[in-house]
Amino acid sequence: TPPNISSWWNFGSLLGVCLVIQIATGLFLAMHYTADTTTAFSSVSHICRDVNYGWLIRYMHANGASMFFICLFIHIGRGIYYGSYVFQETWNIGVILLFAVMATAFMGYVLPWGQMSFWGATV
């Protein structure tokens, strides 16, 4: 391997792995989710209690989102440390993707429509 590549360069690939896990678990959760404010919370409860391994898929999805953001922030930190912001077009696309990921994560935070989701959407 080249001497200038370290383990810090793995976080872009880890982001891809986390994204695949998020998409897969999100699709499985969407099969049993009801997108209505009156029944959303009960459908999440149904997933955790009645669907086979639904609790595992939900917790993989929730913890996968946290892992995705940990890898994302380390990836951004590596980019800042190594001066990747010099490549203006690449950096701007990365910033746009960061805001898109943050918006998507907020929508995922609001979907269960529990108390924290409600007040997160209200504020």
C-alpha atoms as a PDB file:
ATOM      1  CA  THR A   1       0.000   0.000   0.000  1.00  0.00           C
ATOM      2  CA  PRO A   2       1.128   3.566  -0.525  1.00  0.00           C
ATOM      3  CA  PRO A   3       2.757   5.112   2.549  1.00  0.00           C
ATOM      4  CA  ASN A   4       0.439   8.137   2.593  1.00  0.00           C
ATOM      5  CA  ILE A   5      -2.751   6.066   3.024  1.00  0.00           C
ATOM      6  CA  SER A   6      -3.775   5.351   6.606  1.00  0.00           C
ATOM      7  CA  SER A   7      -6.783   3.814   8.303  1.00  0.00           C
ATOM      8  CA  TRP A   8      -8.515   7.220   8.201  1.00  0.00           C
ATOM      9  CA  TRP A   9      -9.265   6.585   4.524  1.00  0.00           C
ATOM     10  CA  ASN A  10     -11.581   3.652   5.375  1.00  0.00           C
ATOM     11  CA  PHE A  11     -14.445   5.802   6.627  1.00  0.00           C
ATOM     12  CA  GLY A  12     -15.763   6.593   3.145  1.00  0.00           C
ATOM     13  CA  SER A  13     -16.175   2.859   2.532  1.00  0.00           C
ATOM     14  CA  LEU A  14     -17.716   2.415   5.977  1.00  0.00           C
ATOM     15  CA  LEU A  15     -20.228   5.110   5.043  1.00  0.00           C
ATOM     16  CA  GLY A  16     -21.207   3.003   2.044  1.00  0.00           C
ATOM     17  CA  VAL A  17     -21.636  -0.095   4.230  1.00  0.00           C
ATOM     18  CA  CYS A  18     -23.731   1.868   6.734  1.00  0.00           C
ATOM     19  CA  LEU A  19     -25.852   3.265   3.910  1.00  0.00           C
ATOM     20  CA  VAL A  20     -26.562  -0.215   2.530  1.00  0.00           C
ATOM     21  CA  ILE A  21     -27.549  -1.414   6.022  1.00  0.00           C
ATOM     22  CA  GLN A  22     -29.800   1.632   6.487  1.00  0.00           C
ATOM     23  CA  ILE A  23     -31.530   1.084   3.157  1.00  0.00           C
ATOM     24  CA  ALA A  24     -32.035  -2.647   3.776  1.00  0.00           C
ATOM     25  CA  THR A  25     -33.386  -2.260   7.314  1.00  0.00           C
ATOM     26  CA  GLY A  26     -35.464   0.748   6.252  1.00  0.00           C
ATOM     27  CA  LEU A  27     -37.128  -1.290   3.519  1.00  0.00           C
ATOM     28  CA  PHE A  28     -37.949  -4.075   5.976  1.00  0.00           C
ATOM     29  CA  LEU A  29     -39.368  -1.556   8.444  1.00  0.00           C
ATOM     30  CA  ALA A  30     -41.403   0.145   5.713  1.00  0.00           C
ATOM     31  CA  MET A  31     -43.189  -3.144   5.018  1.00  0.00           C
ATOM     32  CA  HIS A  32     -44.995  -2.882   8.374  1.00  0.00           C
ATOM     33  CA  TYR A  33     -45.019   0.889   8.976  1.00  0.00           C
ATOM     34  CA  THR A  34     -48.211   2.934   8.691  1.00  0.00           C
ATOM     35  CA  ALA A  35     -47.652   6.542   7.610  1.00  0.00           C
ATOM     36  CA  ASP A  36     -50.503   8.181   9.507  1.00  0.00           C
ATOM     37  CA  THR A  37     -50.198  10.411  12.560  1.00  0.00           C
ATOM     38  CA  THR A  38     -52.870   8.484  14.446  1.00  0.00           C
ATOM     39  CA  THR A  39     -51.418   5.008  13.851  1.00  0.00           C
ATOM     40  CA  ALA A  40     -47.682   5.602  13.258  1.00  0.00           C
ATOM     41  CA  PHE A  41     -46.631   4.989  16.853  1.00  0.00           C
ATOM     42  CA  SER A  42     -48.766   1.860  17.171  1.00  0.00           C
ATOM     43  CA  SER A  43     -47.294   0.500  13.927  1.00  0.00           C
ATOM     44  CA  VAL A  44     -43.788   0.969  15.350  1.00  0.00           C
ATOM     45  CA  SER A  45     -44.922  -0.806  18.508  1.00  0.00           C
ATOM     46  CA  HIS A  46     -46.370  -3.579  16.319  1.00  0.00           C
ATOM     47  CA  ILE A  47     -43.028  -3.926  14.527  1.00  0.00           C
ATOM     48  CA  CYS A  48     -41.165  -4.290  17.826  1.00  0.00           C
ATOM     49  CA  ARG A  49     -43.626  -6.667  19.470  1.00  0.00           C
ATOM     50  CA  ASP A  50     -45.365  -8.747  16.811  1.00  0.00           C
ATOM     51  CA  VAL A  51     -43.092  -8.929  13.761  1.00  0.00           C
ATOM     52  CA  ASN A  52     -40.468 -11.687  13.869  1.00  0.00           C
ATOM     53  CA  TYR A  53     -37.157 -10.025  14.713  1.00  0.00           C
ATOM     54  CA  GLY A  54     -38.781  -6.637  14.151  1.00  0.00           C
ATOM     55  CA  TRP A  55     -37.166  -5.331  17.311  1.00  0.00           C
ATOM     56  CA  LEU A  56     -33.759  -6.342  15.961  1.00  0.00           C
ATOM     57  CA  ILE A  57     -34.335  -4.677  12.599  1.00  0.00           C
ATOM     58  CA  ARG A  58     -35.550  -1.483  14.278  1.00  0.00           C
ATOM     59  CA  TYR A  59     -32.569  -1.297  16.629  1.00  0.00           C
ATOM     60  CA  MET A  60     -30.178  -2.084  13.778  1.00  0.00           C
ATOM     61  CA  HIS A  61     -31.753   0.794  11.867  1.00  0.00           C
ATOM     62  CA  ALA A  62     -31.572   3.215  14.807  1.00  0.00           C
ATOM     63  CA  ASN A  63     -28.014   2.310  15.782  1.00  0.00           C
ATOM     64  CA  GLY A  64     -27.005   2.180  12.126  1.00  0.00           C
ATOM     65  CA  ALA A  65     -28.060   5.818  11.808  1.00  0.00           C
ATOM     66  CA  SER A  66     -25.829   6.732  14.740  1.00  0.00           C
ATOM     67  CA  MET A  67     -22.949   4.755  13.261  1.00  0.00           C
ATOM     68  CA  PHE A  68     -23.520   6.444   9.898  1.00  0.00           C
ATOM     69  CA  PHE A  69     -23.166   9.887  11.482  1.00  0.00           C
ATOM     70  CA  ILE A  70     -20.090   8.853  13.481  1.00  0.00           C
ATOM     71  CA  CYS A  71     -18.428   7.666  10.265  1.00  0.00           C
ATOM     72  CA  LEU A  72     -19.637  10.787   8.467  1.00  0.00           C
ATOM     73  CA  PHE A  73     -18.138  13.169  11.021  1.00  0.00           C
ATOM     74  CA  ILE A  74     -14.849  11.260  11.055  1.00  0.00           C
ATOM     75  CA  HIS A  75     -14.867  11.358   7.242  1.00  0.00           C
ATOM     76  CA  ILE A  76     -15.416  15.132   7.305  1.00  0.00           C
ATOM     77  CA  GLY A  77     -12.714  15.551   9.957  1.00  0.00           C
ATOM     78  CA  ARG A  78     -10.281  13.574   7.847  1.00  0.00           C
ATOM     79  CA  GLY A  79     -11.126  15.746   4.864  1.00  0.00           C
ATOM     80  CA  ILE A  80     -10.458  18.903   6.851  1.00  0.00           C
ATOM     81  CA  TYR A  81      -7.228  17.534   8.332  1.00  0.00           C
ATOM     82  CA  TYR A  82      -5.810  16.477   4.966  1.00  0.00           C
ATOM     83  CA  GLY A  83      -6.948  19.662   3.211  1.00  0.00           C
ATOM     84  CA  SER A  84      -9.516  18.103   0.905  1.00  0.00           C
ATOM     85  CA  TYR A  85     -11.399  21.407   0.865  1.00  0.00           C
ATOM     86  CA  VAL A  86      -8.871  22.601  -1.731  1.00  0.00           C
ATOM     87  CA  PHE A  87     -10.864  20.666  -4.337  1.00  0.00           C
ATOM     88  CA  GLN A  88     -13.739  23.144  -4.295  1.00  0.00           C
ATOM     89  CA  GLU A  89     -16.253  21.244  -6.436  1.00  0.00           C
ATOM     90  CA  THR A  90     -15.802  17.986  -4.536  1.00  0.00           C
ATOM     91  CA  TRP A  91     -16.041  19.792  -1.198  1.00  0.00           C
ATOM     92  CA  ASN A  92     -19.224  21.634  -2.222  1.00  0.00           C
ATOM     93  CA  ILE A  93     -20.867  18.383  -3.302  1.00  0.00           C
ATOM     94  CA  GLY A  94     -19.893  16.902   0.067  1.00  0.00           C
ATOM     95  CA  VAL A  95     -21.487  19.814   1.934  1.00  0.00           C
ATOM     96  CA  ILE A  96     -24.676  19.460  -0.120  1.00  0.00           C
ATOM     97  CA  LEU A  97     -24.721  15.726   0.667  1.00  0.00           C
ATOM     98  CA  LEU A  98     -24.210  16.521   4.370  1.00  0.00           C
ATOM     99  CA  PHE A  99     -27.295  18.743   4.416  1.00  0.00           C
ATOM    100  CA  ALA A 100     -29.288  16.131   2.475  1.00  0.00           C
ATOM    101  CA  VAL A 101     -28.284  13.435   4.988  1.00  0.00           C
ATOM    102  CA  MET A 102     -29.214  15.712   7.900  1.00  0.00           C
ATOM    103  CA  ALA A 103     -32.649  16.383   6.371  1.00  0.00           C
ATOM    104  CA  THR A 104     -33.191  12.673   5.753  1.00  0.00           C
ATOM    105  CA  ALA A 105     -32.169  11.849   9.328  1.00  0.00           C
ATOM    106  CA  PHE A 106     -34.604  14.437  10.675  1.00  0.00           C
ATOM    107  CA  MET A 107     -37.412  12.855   8.672  1.00  0.00           C
ATOM    108  CA  GLY A 108     -36.468   9.449  10.061  1.00  0.00           C
ATOM    109  CA  TYR A 109     -36.454  10.938  13.563  1.00  0.00           C
ATOM    110  CA  VAL A 110     -39.994  12.258  13.126  1.00  0.00           C
ATOM    111  CA  LEU A 111     -41.508   9.131  11.501  1.00  0.00           C
ATOM    112  CA  PRO A 112     -42.224   7.084  14.689  1.00  0.00           C
ATOM    113  CA  TRP A 113     -44.381   9.989  15.918  1.00  0.00           C
ATOM    114  CA  GLY A 114     -43.715   9.463  19.605  1.00  0.00           C
ATOM    115  CA  GLN A 115     -43.377  12.301  22.106  1.00  0.00           C
ATOM    116  CA  MET A 116     -39.814  13.174  21.132  1.00  0.00           C
ATOM    117  CA  SER A 117     -40.701  12.961  17.438  1.00  0.00           C
ATOM    118  CA  PHE A 118     -43.710  15.214  17.905  1.00  0.00           C
ATOM    119  CA  TRP A 119     -41.805  17.884  19.786  1.00  0.00           C
ATOM    120  CA  GLY A 120     -38.838  17.583  17.440  1.00  0.00           C
ATOM    121  CA  ALA A 121     -41.162  18.328  14.540  1.00  0.00           C
ATOM    122  CA  THR A 122     -42.953  21.081  16.459  1.00  0.00           C
ATOM    123  CA  VAL A 123     -39.834  22.978  17.470  1.00  0.00           C
END
